[in-house]
PDB file of N, CA and C in Angstrom:
ATOM      1  N   UNK A   1    -101.868 -81.719 -42.372  1.00  0.00           N
ATOM      2  CA  UNK A   1    -102.498 -83.009 -42.188  1.00  0.00           C
ATOM      3  C   UNK A   1    -103.762 -83.113 -43.039  1.00  0.00           C
ATOM      4  N   UNK A   2    -104.565 -82.059 -42.992  1.00  0.00           N
ATOM      5  CA  UNK A   2    -105.824 -82.081 -43.714  1.00  0.00           C
ATOM      6  C   UNK A   2    -105.603 -82.072 -45.224  1.00  0.00           C
ATOM      7  N   UNK A   3    -104.654 -81.278 -45.679  1.00  0.00           N
ATOM      8  CA  UNK A   3    -104.394 -81.179 -47.111  1.00  0.00           C
ATOM      9  C   UNK A   3    -103.763 -82.456 -47.656  1.00  0.00           C
ATOM     10  N   UNK A   4    -103.026 -83.167 -46.836  1.00  0.00           N
ATOM     11  CA  UNK A   4    -102.419 -84.425 -47.272  1.00  0.00           C
ATOM     12  C   UNK A   4    -103.511 -85.454 -47.566  1.00  0.00           C
ATOM     13  N   UNK A   5    -104.531 -85.514 -46.730  1.00  0.00           N
ATOM     14  CA  UNK A   5    -105.635 -86.447 -46.949  1.00  0.00           C
ATOM     15  C   UNK A   5    -106.406 -86.083 -48.216  1.00  0.00           C
ATOM     16  N   UNK A   6    -106.597 -84.800 -48.421  1.00  0.00           N
ATOM     17  CA  UNK A   6    -107.311 -84.346 -49.621  1.00  0.00           C
ATOM     18  C   UNK A   6    -106.516 -84.696 -50.870  1.00  0.00           C
ATOM     19  N   UNK A   7    -105.193 -84.478 -50.830  1.00  0.00           N
ATOM     20  CA  UNK A   7    -104.348 -84.828 -51.979  1.00  0.00           C
ATOM     21  C   UNK A   7    -104.386 -86.319 -52.255  1.00  0.00           C
ATOM     22  N   UNK A   8    -104.377 -87.130 -51.209  1.00  0.00           N
ATOM     23  CA  UNK A   8    -104.427 -88.589 -51.390  1.00  0.00           C
ATOM     24  C   UNK A   8    -105.743 -89.014 -52.014  1.00  0.00           C
ATOM     25  N   UNK A   9    -106.834 -88.401 -51.596  1.00  0.00           N
ATOM     26  CA  UNK A   9    -108.142 -88.729 -52.183  1.00  0.00           C
ATOM     27  C   UNK A   9    -108.193 -88.341 -53.655  1.00  0.00           C
ATOM     28  N   UNK A  10    -107.630 -87.181 -53.983  1.00  0.00           N
ATOM     29  CA  UNK A  10    -107.604 -86.746 -55.379  1.00  0.00           C
ATOM     30  C   UNK A  10    -106.767 -87.690 -56.232  1.00  0.00           C
ATOM     31  N   UNK A  11    -105.637 -88.122 -55.685  1.00  0.00           N
ATOM     32  CA  UNK A  11    -104.782 -89.057 -56.428  1.00  0.00           C
ATOM     33  C   UNK A  11    -105.489 -90.392 -56.634  1.00  0.00           C
ATOM     34  N   UNK A  12    -106.217 -90.842 -55.633  1.00  0.00           N
ATOM     35  CA  UNK A  12    -106.957 -92.107 -55.762  1.00  0.00           C
ATOM     36  C   UNK A  12    -108.041 -91.983 -56.832  1.00  0.00           C
ATOM     37  N   UNK A  13    -108.708 -90.838 -56.902  1.00  0.00           N
ATOM     38  CA  UNK A  13    -109.713 -90.619 -57.944  1.00  0.00           C
ATOM     39  C   UNK A  13    -109.067 -90.626 -59.323  1.00  0.00           C
ATOM     40  N   UNK A  14    -107.891 -89.998 -59.444  1.00  0.00           N
ATOM     41  CA  UNK A  14    -107.183 -89.995 -60.731  1.00  0.00           C
ATOM     42  C   UNK A  14    -106.778 -91.396 -61.141  1.00  0.00           C
ATOM     43  N   UNK A  15    -106.294 -92.171 -60.179  1.00  0.00           N
ATOM     44  CA  UNK A  15    -105.909 -93.554 -60.493  1.00  0.00           C
ATOM     45  C   UNK A  15    -107.119 -94.357 -60.952  1.00  0.00           C
ATOM     46  N   UNK A  16    -108.243 -94.174 -60.257  1.00  0.00           N
ATOM     47  CA  UNK A  16    -109.457 -94.901 -60.640  1.00  0.00           C
ATOM     48  C   UNK A  16    -109.907 -94.482 -62.035  1.00  0.00           C
ATOM     49  N   UNK A  17    -109.838 -93.189 -62.330  1.00  0.00           N
ATOM     50  CA  UNK A  17    -110.191 -92.705 -63.662  1.00  0.00           C
ATOM     51  C   UNK A  17    -109.270 -93.272 -64.729  1.00  0.00           C
ATOM     52  N   UNK A  18    -107.994 -93.364 -64.420  1.00  0.00           N
ATOM     53  CA  UNK A  18    -107.038 -93.928 -65.371  1.00  0.00           C
ATOM     54  C   UNK A  18    -107.333 -95.410 -65.612  1.00  0.00           C
ATOM     55  N   UNK A  19    -107.692 -96.123 -64.555  1.00  0.00           N
ATOM     56  CA  UNK A  19    -108.029 -97.547 -64.715  1.00  0.00           C
ATOM     57  C   UNK A  19    -109.258 -97.723 -65.582  1.00  0.00           C
ATOM     58  N   UNK A  20    -110.285 -96.926 -65.339  1.00  0.00           N
ATOM     59  CA  UNK A  20    -111.506 -97.010 -66.139  1.00  0.00           C
ATOM     60  C   UNK A  20    -111.196 -96.691 -67.593  1.00  0.00           C
ATOM     61  N   UNK A  21    -110.427 -95.655 -67.838  1.00  0.00           N
ATOM     62  CA  UNK A  21    -110.037 -95.276 -69.191  1.00  0.00           C
ATOM     63  C   UNK A  21    -109.262 -96.402 -69.862  1.00  0.00           C
ATOM     64  N   UNK A  22    -108.359 -97.033 -69.136  1.00  0.00           N
ATOM     65  CA  UNK A  22    -107.573 -98.138 -69.677  1.00  0.00           C
ATOM     66  C   UNK A  22    -108.470 -99.319 -70.044  1.00  0.00           C
ATOM     67  N   UNK A  23    -109.418 -99.661 -69.192  1.00  0.00           N
ATOM     68  CA  UNK A  23    -110.322-100.776 -69.473  1.00  0.00           C
ATOM     69  C   UNK A  23    -111.225-100.487 -70.668  1.00  0.00           C
ATOM     70  N   UNK A  24    -111.653 -99.240 -70.792  1.00  0.00           N
ATOM     71  CA  UNK A  24    -112.470 -98.883 -71.950  1.00  0.00           C
ATOM     72  C   UNK A  24    -111.653 -99.003 -73.231  1.00  0.00           C
ATOM     73  N   UNK A  25    -110.430 -98.508 -73.211  1.00  0.00           N
ATOM     74  CA  UNK A  25    -109.570 -98.626 -74.395  1.00  0.00           C
ATOM     75  C   UNK A  25    -109.318-100.087 -74.757  1.00  0.00           C
ATOM     76  N   UNK A  26    -109.063-100.896 -73.747  1.00  0.00           N
ATOM     77  CA  UNK A  26    -108.823-102.322 -74.018  1.00  0.00           C
ATOM     78  C   UNK A  26    -110.053-102.978 -74.623  1.00  0.00           C
ATOM     79  N   UNK A  27    -111.221-102.644 -74.113  1.00  0.00           N
ATOM     80  CA  UNK A  27    -112.431-103.264 -74.643  1.00  0.00           C
ATOM     81  C   UNK A  27    -112.727-102.795 -76.060  1.00  0.00           C
ATOM     82  N   UNK A  28    -112.307-101.581 -76.411  1.00  0.00           N
ATOM     83  CA  UNK A  28    -112.538-101.091 -77.765  1.00  0.00           C
ATOM     84  C   UNK A  28    -111.577-101.703 -78.776  1.00  0.00           C
ATOM     85  N   UNK A  29    -110.315-101.844 -78.392  1.00  0.00           N
ATOM     86  CA  UNK A  29    -109.310-102.288 -79.349  1.00  0.00           C
ATOM     87  C   UNK A  29    -109.076-103.797 -79.357  1.00  0.00           C
ATOM     88  N   UNK A  30    -109.475-104.485 -78.315  1.00  0.00           N
ATOM     89  CA  UNK A  30    -109.212-105.914 -78.235  1.00  0.00           C
ATOM     90  C   UNK A  30    -110.498-106.715 -78.132  1.00  0.00           C
ATOM     91  N   UNK A  31    -111.460-106.384 -78.959  1.00  0.00           N
ATOM     92  CA  UNK A  31    -112.720-107.120 -78.933  1.00  0.00           C
ATOM     93  C   UNK A  31    -112.653-108.282 -79.929  1.00  0.00           C
ATOM     94  N   UNK A  32    -113.449-109.280 -79.670  1.00  0.00           N
ATOM     95  CA  UNK A  32    -113.514-110.437 -80.546  1.00  0.00           C
ATOM     96  C   UNK A  32    -114.744-110.325 -81.436  1.00  0.00           C
ATOM     97  N   UNK A  33    -114.582-110.643 -82.678  1.00  0.00           N
ATOM     98  CA  UNK A  33    -115.704-110.595 -83.604  1.00  0.00           C
ATOM     99  C   UNK A  33    -116.416-111.941 -83.605  1.00  0.00           C
ATOM    100  N   UNK A  34    -117.723-111.884 -83.616  1.00  0.00           N
ATOM    101  CA  UNK A  34    -118.526-113.106 -83.646  1.00  0.00           C
ATOM    102  C   UNK A  34    -119.377-113.084 -84.909  1.00  0.00           C
ATOM    103  N   UNK A  35    -119.065-113.946 -85.832  1.00  0.00           N
ATOM    104  CA  UNK A  35    -119.829-114.069 -87.064  1.00  0.00           C
ATOM    105  C   UNK A  35    -120.552-115.406 -87.035  1.00  0.00           C
ATOM    106  N   UNK A  36    -121.772-115.373 -86.575  1.00  0.00           N
ATOM    107  CA  UNK A  36    -122.522-116.609 -86.454  1.00  0.00           C
ATOM    108  C   UNK A  36    -123.984-116.336 -86.774  1.00  0.00           C
ATOM    109  N   UNK A  37    -124.650-117.362 -87.218  1.00  0.00           N
ATOM    110  CA  UNK A  37    -126.078-117.263 -87.466  1.00  0.00           C
ATOM    111  C   UNK A  37    -126.682-118.629 -87.180  1.00  0.00           C
ATOM    112  N   UNK A  38    -127.858-118.597 -86.631  1.00  0.00           N
ATOM    113  CA  UNK A  38    -128.564-119.838 -86.327  1.00  0.00           C
ATOM    114  C   UNK A  38    -128.789-120.617 -87.626  1.00  0.00           C
ATOM    115  N   UNK A  39    -128.563-121.897 -87.597  1.00  0.00           N
ATOM    116  CA  UNK A  39    -128.729-122.724 -88.794  1.00  0.00           C
ATOM    117  C   UNK A  39    -130.174-122.714 -89.285  1.00  0.00           C
ATOM    118  N   UNK A  40    -131.114-122.699 -88.372  1.00  0.00           N
ATOM    119  CA  UNK A  40    -132.529-122.663 -88.753  1.00  0.00           C
ATOM    120  C   UNK A  40    -132.884-121.326 -89.406  1.00  0.00           C
ATOM    121  N   UNK A  41    -132.359-120.245 -88.887  1.00  0.00           N
ATOM    122  CA  UNK A  41    -132.631-118.929 -89.476  1.00  0.00           C
ATOM    123  C   UNK A  41    -132.046-118.836 -90.878  1.00  0.00           C
ATOM    124  N   UNK A  42    -130.835-119.341 -91.029  1.00  0.00           N
ATOM    125  CA  UNK A  42    -130.199-119.292 -92.346  1.00  0.00           C
ATOM    126  C   UNK A  42    -130.985-120.119 -93.361  1.00  0.00           C
ATOM    127  N   UNK A  43    -131.432-121.283 -92.961  1.00  0.00           N
ATOM    128  CA  UNK A  43    -132.189-122.140 -93.885  1.00  0.00           C
ATOM    129  C   UNK A  43    -133.540-121.523 -94.230  1.00  0.00           C
ATOM    130  N   UNK A  44    -134.179-120.866 -93.268  1.00  0.00           N
ATOM    131  CA  UNK A  44    -135.502-120.298 -93.502  1.00  0.00           C
ATOM    132  C   UNK A  44    -135.444-119.015 -94.328  1.00  0.00           C
ATOM    133  N   UNK A  45    -134.350-118.296 -94.272  1.00  0.00           N
ATOM    134  CA  UNK A  45    -134.311-116.976 -94.897  1.00  0.00           C
ATOM    135  C   UNK A  45    -133.509-116.909 -96.183  1.00  0.00           C
ATOM    136  N   UNK A  46    -132.879-117.991 -96.596  1.00  0.00           N
ATOM    137  CA  UNK A  46    -132.137-117.948 -97.855  1.00  0.00           C
ATOM    138  C   UNK A  46    -133.105-118.038 -99.027  1.00  0.00           C
ATOM    139  N   UNK A  47    -132.780-117.356-100.077  1.00  0.00           N
ATOM    140  CA  UNK A  47    -133.612-117.371-101.272  1.00  0.00           C
ATOM    141  C   UNK A  47    -134.375-116.072-101.437  1.00  0.00           C
ATOM    142  N   UNK A  48    -134.873-115.841-102.635  1.00  0.00           N
ATOM    143  CA  UNK A  48    -135.569-114.592-102.953  1.00  0.00           C
ATOM    144  C   UNK A  48    -137.055-114.622-102.597  1.00  0.00           C
ATOM    145  N   UNK A  49    -137.623-115.791-102.452  1.00  0.00           N
ATOM    146  CA  UNK A  49    -139.070-115.879-102.206  1.00  0.00           C
ATOM    147  C   UNK A  49    -139.448-115.566-100.761  1.00  0.00           C
ATOM    148  N   UNK A  50    -138.493-115.463 -99.862  1.00  0.00           N
ATOM    149  CA  UNK A  50    -138.777-115.251 -98.440  1.00  0.00           C
ATOM    150  C   UNK A  50    -138.469-113.826 -97.986  1.00  0.00           C
ATOM    151  N   UNK A  51    -138.699-112.841 -98.827  1.00  0.00           N
ATOM    152  CA  UNK A  51    -138.343-111.466 -98.467  1.00  0.00           C
ATOM    153  C   UNK A  51    -139.195-110.937 -97.319  1.00  0.00           C
ATOM    154  N   UNK A  52    -140.476-111.235 -97.305  1.00  0.00           N
ATOM    155  CA  UNK A  52    -141.329-110.734 -96.214  1.00  0.00           C
ATOM    156  C   UNK A  52    -140.970-111.420 -94.899  1.00  0.00           C
ATOM    157  N   UNK A  53    -140.647-112.696 -94.973  1.00  0.00           N
ATOM    158  CA  UNK A  53    -140.251-113.414 -93.757  1.00  0.00           C
ATOM    159  C   UNK A  53    -138.908-112.884 -93.240  1.00  0.00           C
ATOM    160  N   UNK A  54    -137.995-112.580 -94.129  1.00  0.00           N
ATOM    161  CA  UNK A  54    -136.705-112.027 -93.723  1.00  0.00           C
ATOM    162  C   UNK A  54    -136.887-110.656 -93.081  1.00  0.00           C
ATOM    163  N   UNK A  55    -137.779-109.828 -93.636  1.00  0.00           N
ATOM    164  CA  UNK A  55    -138.043-108.510 -93.054  1.00  0.00           C
ATOM    165  C   UNK A  55    -138.662-108.656 -91.663  1.00  0.00           C
ATOM    166  N   UNK A  56    -139.545-109.639 -91.495  1.00  0.00           N
ATOM    167  CA  UNK A  56    -140.168-109.868 -90.188  1.00  0.00           C
ATOM    168  C   UNK A  56    -139.128-110.312 -89.155  1.00  0.00           C
ATOM    169  N   UNK A  57    -138.204-111.168 -89.562  1.00  0.00           N
ATOM    170  CA  UNK A  57    -137.151-111.613 -88.643  1.00  0.00           C
ATOM    171  C   UNK A  57    -136.255-110.440 -88.267  1.00  0.00           C
ATOM    172  N   UNK A  58    -135.915-109.583 -89.227  1.00  0.00           N
ATOM    173  CA  UNK A  58    -135.095-108.407 -88.932  1.00  0.00           C
ATOM    174  C   UNK A  58    -135.807-107.453 -87.976  1.00  0.00           C
ATOM    175  N   UNK A  59    -137.117-107.264 -88.175  1.00  0.00           N
ATOM    176  CA  UNK A  59    -137.879-106.411 -87.257  1.00  0.00           C
ATOM    177  C   UNK A  59    -137.902-107.007 -85.854  1.00  0.00           C
ATOM    178  N   UNK A  60    -138.019-108.313 -85.752  1.00  0.00           N
ATOM    179  CA  UNK A  60    -137.996-108.976 -84.447  1.00  0.00           C
ATOM    180  C   UNK A  60    -136.663-108.814 -83.746  1.00  0.00           C
ATOM    181  N   UNK A  61    -135.588-108.880 -84.503  1.00  0.00           N
ATOM    182  CA  UNK A  61    -134.252-108.696 -83.922  1.00  0.00           C
ATOM    183  C   UNK A  61    -134.105-107.274 -83.382  1.00  0.00           C
ATOM    184  N   UNK A  62    -134.563-106.293 -84.139  1.00  0.00           N
ATOM    185  CA  UNK A  62    -134.494-104.906 -83.676  1.00  0.00           C
ATOM    186  C   UNK A  62    -135.337-104.724 -82.420  1.00  0.00           C
ATOM    187  N   UNK A  63    -136.519-105.310 -82.398  1.00  0.00           N
ATOM    188  CA  UNK A  63    -137.396-105.222 -81.226  1.00  0.00           C
ATOM    189  C   UNK A  63    -136.711-105.825 -80.000  1.00  0.00           C
ATOM    190  N   UNK A  64    -136.122-106.985 -80.156  1.00  0.00           N
ATOM    191  CA  UNK A  64    -135.439-107.618 -79.031  1.00  0.00           C
ATOM    192  C   UNK A  64    -134.201-106.838 -78.597  1.00  0.00           C
ATOM    193  N   UNK A  65    -133.590-106.126 -79.514  1.00  0.00           N
ATOM    194  CA  UNK A  65    -132.408-105.342 -79.174  1.00  0.00           C
ATOM    195  C   UNK A  65    -132.772-104.064 -78.423  1.00  0.00           C
ATOM    196  N   UNK A  66    -133.901-103.453 -78.730  1.00  0.00           N
ATOM    197  CA  UNK A  66    -134.277-102.171 -78.152  1.00  0.00           C
ATOM    198  C   UNK A  66    -134.767-102.309 -76.713  1.00  0.00           C
ATOM    199  N   UNK A  67    -135.462-103.367 -76.381  1.00  0.00           N
ATOM    200  CA  UNK A  67    -136.081-103.523 -75.059  1.00  0.00           C
ATOM    201  C   UNK A  67    -135.073-103.394 -73.911  1.00  0.00           C
ATOM    202  N   UNK A  68    -133.922-104.058 -73.914  1.00  0.00           N
ATOM    203  CA  UNK A  68    -132.986-103.876 -72.796  1.00  0.00           C
ATOM    204  C   UNK A  68    -132.495-102.434 -72.649  1.00  0.00           C
ATOM    205  N   UNK A  69    -132.272-101.741 -73.763  1.00  0.00           N
ATOM    206  CA  UNK A  69    -131.828-100.355 -73.694  1.00  0.00           C
ATOM    207  C   UNK A  69    -132.899 -99.459 -73.071  1.00  0.00           C
ATOM    208  N   UNK A  70    -134.143 -99.695 -73.417  1.00  0.00           N
ATOM    209  CA  UNK A  70    -135.230 -98.912 -72.837  1.00  0.00           C
ATOM    210  C   UNK A  70    -135.330 -99.177 -71.336  1.00  0.00           C
ATOM    211  N   UNK A  71    -135.218-100.422 -70.927  1.00  0.00           N
ATOM    212  CA  UNK A  71    -135.299-100.754 -69.507  1.00  0.00           C
ATOM    213  C   UNK A  71    -134.147-100.141 -68.717  1.00  0.00           C
ATOM    214  N   UNK A  72    -132.938-100.233 -69.229  1.00  0.00           N
ATOM    215  CA  UNK A  72    -131.781 -99.654 -68.546  1.00  0.00           C
ATOM    216  C   UNK A  72    -131.916 -98.131 -68.493  1.00  0.00           C
ATOM    217  N   UNK A  73    -132.391 -97.532 -69.555  1.00  0.00           N
ATOM    218  CA  UNK A  73    -132.603 -96.088 -69.564  1.00  0.00           C
ATOM    219  C   UNK A  73    -133.645 -95.658 -68.543  1.00  0.00           C
ATOM    220  N   UNK A  74    -134.726 -96.426 -68.421  1.00  0.00           N
ATOM    221  CA  UNK A  74    -135.768 -96.104 -67.446  1.00  0.00           C
ATOM    222  C   UNK A  74    -135.228 -96.210 -66.018  1.00  0.00           C
ATOM    223  N   UNK A  75    -134.475 -97.250 -65.728  1.00  0.00           N
ATOM    224  CA  UNK A  75    -133.885 -97.407 -64.392  1.00  0.00           C
ATOM    225  C   UNK A  75    -132.892 -96.283 -64.118  1.00  0.00           C
ATOM    226  N   UNK A  76    -132.076 -95.941 -65.102  1.00  0.00           N
ATOM    227  CA  UNK A  76    -131.128 -94.847 -64.943  1.00  0.00           C
ATOM    228  C   UNK A  76    -131.825 -93.521 -64.683  1.00  0.00           C
ATOM    229  N   UNK A  77    -132.914 -93.255 -65.389  1.00  0.00           N
ATOM    230  CA  UNK A  77    -133.668 -92.028 -65.174  1.00  0.00           C
ATOM    231  C   UNK A  77    -134.291 -92.004 -63.779  1.00  0.00           C
ATOM    232  N   UNK A  78    -134.796 -93.146 -63.329  1.00  0.00           N
ATOM    233  CA  UNK A  78    -135.379 -93.257 -61.990  1.00  0.00           C
ATOM    234  C   UNK A  78    -134.323 -92.976 -60.919  1.00  0.00           C
ATOM    235  N   UNK A  79    -133.138 -93.524 -61.072  1.00  0.00           N
ATOM    236  CA  UNK A  79    -132.054 -93.292 -60.109  1.00  0.00           C
ATOM    237  C   UNK A  79    -131.640 -91.821 -60.145  1.00  0.00           C
ATOM    238  N   UNK A  80    -131.569 -91.235 -61.330  1.00  0.00           N
ATOM    239  CA  UNK A  80    -131.228 -89.821 -61.466  1.00  0.00           C
ATOM    240  C   UNK A  80    -132.244 -88.949 -60.724  1.00  0.00           C
ATOM    241  N   UNK A  81    -133.526 -89.249 -60.884  1.00  0.00           N
ATOM    242  CA  UNK A  81    -134.564 -88.470 -60.199  1.00  0.00           C
ATOM    243  C   UNK A  81    -134.471 -88.631 -58.688  1.00  0.00           C
ATOM    244  N   UNK A  82    -134.168 -89.851 -58.215  1.00  0.00           N
ATOM    245  CA  UNK A  82    -134.027 -90.074 -56.762  1.00  0.00           C
ATOM    246  C   UNK A  82    -132.866 -89.249 -56.216  1.00  0.00           C
ATOM    247  N   UNK A  83    -131.733 -89.265 -56.914  1.00  0.00           N
ATOM    248  CA  UNK A  83    -130.563 -88.507 -56.462  1.00  0.00           C
ATOM    249  C   UNK A  83    -130.833 -87.007 -56.495  1.00  0.00           C
ATOM    250  N   UNK A  84    -131.563 -86.555 -57.478  1.00  0.00           N
ATOM    251  CA  UNK A  84    -131.866 -85.136 -57.613  1.00  0.00           C
ATOM    252  C   UNK A  84    -132.787 -84.672 -56.472  1.00  0.00           C
ATOM    253  N   UNK A  85    -133.718 -85.527 -56.046  1.00  0.00           N
ATOM    254  CA  UNK A  85    -134.605 -85.183 -54.925  1.00  0.00           C
ATOM    255  C   UNK A  85    -133.852 -85.079 -53.611  1.00  0.00           C
ATOM    256  N   UNK A  86    -132.827 -85.892 -53.425  1.00  0.00           N
ATOM    257  CA  UNK A  86    -132.061 -85.884 -52.181  1.00  0.00           C
ATOM    258  C   UNK A  86    -131.208 -84.636 -52.035  1.00  0.00           C
ATOM    259  N   UNK A  87    -130.841 -84.022 -53.120  1.00  0.00           N
ATOM    260  CA  UNK A  87    -129.964 -82.839 -53.050  1.00  0.00           C
ATOM    261  C   UNK A  87    -130.703 -81.639 -52.658  1.00  0.00           C
TER     262      UNK A  87
END
């Protein structure tokens, strides 16, 4: 009786792992490409005379991209430390 429950739990974990793996594969192979740019950005940055402005816009994009990753990493580290203290 006890081993049957353990086997069922293990099978459920395997099924869940297979589902997660399947969803990851689907998201990798069936993604949609988005090629778009703001009309104002394109108008402001076209041409050779706006190189410093284009570099500033690129730096701003990188800055805006990094902030969410840092926040998620900080929250993840905080949760990791909480779980480690409980053990």
